[in-house]
Protein backbone atom coordinates (compact mmCIF):
# COMPACT_ATOMS: atom_id res chain seq x y z
CA MET A 1 89.11 6.73 -15.12
CA GLU A 2 90.70 4.50 -17.74
CA GLN A 3 94.31 3.47 -17.23
CA GLU A 4 95.55 4.83 -20.59
CA VAL A 5 93.91 8.20 -19.99
CA LYS A 6 95.31 8.32 -16.47
CA GLU A 7 98.86 7.60 -17.69
CA SER A 8 98.54 10.28 -20.35
CA LEU A 9 97.36 12.83 -17.79
CA ILE A 10 100.18 11.89 -15.43
CA ARG A 11 102.73 12.52 -18.21
CA LYS A 12 101.16 15.90 -19.01
CA VAL A 13 101.06 17.02 -15.38
CA HIS A 14 104.68 15.85 -14.88
CA ILE A 15 105.69 18.13 -17.75
CA VAL A 16 103.80 21.05 -16.20
CA VAL A 17 105.36 20.47 -12.77
CA GLY A 18 108.81 20.30 -14.36
CA GLU A 19 108.32 23.53 -16.28
CA LEU A 20 107.00 25.36 -13.23
CA ALA A 21 109.78 24.06 -10.97
CA ASN A 22 112.38 25.11 -13.54
CA LYS A 23 110.80 28.56 -13.69
CA ASP A 24 110.99 28.81 -9.87
CA TYR A 25 114.65 27.71 -9.91
CA LEU A 26 115.60 30.24 -12.58
CA LYS A 27 113.75 33.02 -10.78
CA ALA A 28 115.77 32.40 -7.62
CA ASN A 29 119.14 31.67 -9.26
CA THR A 30 119.33 34.30 -12.01
CA ASN A 31 120.75 37.78 -11.51
CA LYS A 32 119.43 40.96 -13.12
CA GLN A 33 121.55 40.48 -16.24
CA GLY A 34 120.01 37.06 -16.83
CA ARG A 35 123.06 35.03 -15.82
CA LEU A 36 123.01 32.19 -13.32
CA TYR A 37 124.70 32.70 -9.97
CA LYS A 38 127.95 30.77 -9.49
CA LYS A 39 126.68 29.22 -6.26
CA HIS A 40 123.30 27.59 -5.93
CA VAL A 41 120.72 29.72 -4.14
CA PRO A 42 118.06 27.75 -2.26
CA TYR A 43 114.53 28.30 -3.52
CA SER A 44 111.01 27.26 -2.70
CA LEU A 45 108.28 26.17 -5.07
CA SER A 46 105.58 28.64 -5.97
CA GLN A 47 101.91 28.18 -5.16
CA GLU A 48 101.28 27.27 -8.81
CA THR A 49 103.82 24.46 -8.63
CA GLU A 50 102.42 23.19 -5.34
CA GLN A 51 98.93 23.08 -6.89
CA ALA A 52 100.25 21.07 -9.84
CA LYS A 53 101.92 18.65 -7.40
CA GLU A 54 98.58 18.20 -5.60
CA ILE A 55 96.92 17.33 -8.90
CA LEU A 56 99.70 14.84 -9.59
CA ASP A 57 99.12 13.25 -6.18
CA LEU A 58 95.41 12.92 -7.01
CA LEU A 59 96.29 11.17 -10.26
CA TYR A 60 98.55 8.68 -8.47
CA LYS A 61 95.75 7.54 -6.16
CA ASN A 62 94.35 4.09 -6.97
CA GLU A 63 90.73 5.19 -6.76
CA VAL A 64 90.00 8.60 -8.29
CA THR A 65 86.64 9.91 -7.07
CA LYS A 66 84.30 12.06 -9.15
CA GLU A 67 85.30 15.12 -7.09
CA ASP A 68 88.98 14.44 -7.74
CA GLU A 69 88.28 13.91 -11.42
CA GLU A 70 86.48 17.26 -11.63
CA ARG A 71 89.41 18.99 -9.89
CA ILE A 72 91.86 17.40 -12.31
CA LYS A 73 89.79 18.40 -15.34
CA GLY A 74 89.39 21.95 -14.05
CA TYR A 75 93.11 22.32 -13.45
CA LEU A 76 94.02 20.97 -16.88
CA LEU A 77 91.53 23.26 -18.61
CA LEU A 78 92.91 26.25 -16.72
CA ASN A 79 96.47 25.16 -17.49
CA ASN A 80 95.71 24.88 -21.21
CA MET A 81 94.20 28.38 -21.18
CA TYR A 82 97.38 29.78 -19.59
CA LYS A 83 99.54 28.10 -22.22
CA ILE A 84 97.35 29.46 -25.02
CA THR A 85 97.48 33.01 -23.64
CA GLY A 86 101.21 32.78 -22.85
CA GLN A 87 100.94 33.38 -19.10
CA TYR A 88 103.84 31.03 -18.32
CA ASP A 89 106.19 33.00 -20.57
CA LYS A 90 105.85 36.19 -18.51
CA LYS A 91 108.51 36.83 -15.87
């Protein structure tokens, strides 16, 4: 995998991880009226976010194998389909 492509993919996956982690935080720290709690409520990352973190770990490896590359491509294609259909916007 070329270095420029790899850096671009890392930036994109970082954005996805950030969005998903923010969604998890808001889900745990927002009351029914949509306001944030005054005190921080601990939260855990969803399975979606953990999967995105795994893809990010694969991208940070020095040697990306063909299997890893296929996993990365599959995840990014699936992620783009969710963004197009608006799956991330649903609560």
